[in-house]
């Protein structure tokens, strides 16, 4: 069974009418918080000290 764009749009409209925009945005926000907590749990609850793309601080004592 293939679902095309018209059927997907109709499905989304029906969901919006049944649940409302406020409730859907609240659920999406809670899901985002849950995913963030899950990722932090996988990392041992520690936040990375050096985010990707940031330069490593240079050790001034090694240059002397």
Protein backbone atom coordinates (compact mmCIF):
# COMPACT_ATOMS: atom_id res chain seq x y z
CA UNK A 1 0.00 0.00 0.00
CA UNK A 2 1.58 3.23 -1.15
CA UNK A 3 0.60 6.53 0.43
CA UNK A 4 0.98 9.57 -1.80
CA UNK A 5 1.21 13.27 -1.00
CA UNK A 6 -2.56 13.92 -1.07
CA UNK A 7 -3.21 11.11 1.43
CA UNK A 8 -0.35 12.28 3.69
CA UNK A 9 -1.63 15.87 3.69
CA UNK A 10 -5.17 14.66 4.48
CA UNK A 11 -3.81 12.53 7.34
CA UNK A 12 -1.90 15.51 8.80
CA UNK A 13 -4.97 17.75 8.56
CA UNK A 14 -7.12 15.17 10.35
CA UNK A 15 -4.51 14.77 13.12
CA UNK A 16 -4.35 18.57 13.55
CA UNK A 17 -8.14 18.78 13.79
CA UNK A 18 -8.37 15.97 16.33
CA UNK A 19 -5.49 16.91 18.63
CA UNK A 20 -4.91 20.59 17.94
CA UNK A 21 -1.68 22.45 17.24
CA UNK A 22 -0.92 23.23 20.90
CA UNK A 23 -1.00 19.62 22.01
CA UNK A 24 1.08 18.41 19.04
CA UNK A 25 3.75 21.07 19.64
CA UNK A 26 3.84 20.18 23.35
CA UNK A 27 4.27 16.47 22.55
CA UNK A 28 7.00 17.25 20.02
CA UNK A 29 8.84 19.38 22.60
CA UNK A 30 8.65 16.60 25.17
CA UNK A 31 9.96 14.11 22.61
CA UNK A 32 12.88 16.42 21.88
CA UNK A 33 13.72 16.67 25.58
CA UNK A 34 13.54 12.89 25.85
CA UNK A 35 15.94 12.38 22.94
CA UNK A 36 18.34 14.92 24.44
CA UNK A 37 18.25 13.17 27.82
CA UNK A 38 18.79 9.81 26.11
CA UNK A 39 21.87 11.11 24.26
CA UNK A 40 23.28 12.58 27.47
CA UNK A 41 22.70 9.25 29.18
CA UNK A 42 24.65 7.46 26.45
CA UNK A 43 27.56 9.83 27.01
CA UNK A 44 27.57 9.08 30.73
CA UNK A 45 25.73 12.29 31.57
CA UNK A 46 28.77 14.39 30.75
CA UNK A 47 28.61 17.26 28.33
CA UNK A 48 31.51 17.38 25.88
CA UNK A 49 34.12 19.90 26.94
CA UNK A 50 35.09 20.63 23.35
CA UNK A 51 32.19 20.74 20.86
CA UNK A 52 32.93 19.54 17.35
CA UNK A 53 34.59 22.14 15.20
CA UNK A 54 36.00 24.14 18.10
CA UNK A 55 39.73 24.63 18.19
CA UNK A 56 41.78 22.98 20.87
CA UNK A 57 43.30 25.49 23.27
CA UNK A 58 47.02 25.79 22.71
CA UNK A 59 49.29 24.80 25.56
CA UNK A 60 51.52 27.82 26.17
CA UNK A 61 53.92 25.89 28.41
CA UNK A 62 54.82 23.47 25.58
CA UNK A 63 55.99 26.30 23.32
CA UNK A 64 58.72 27.48 25.71
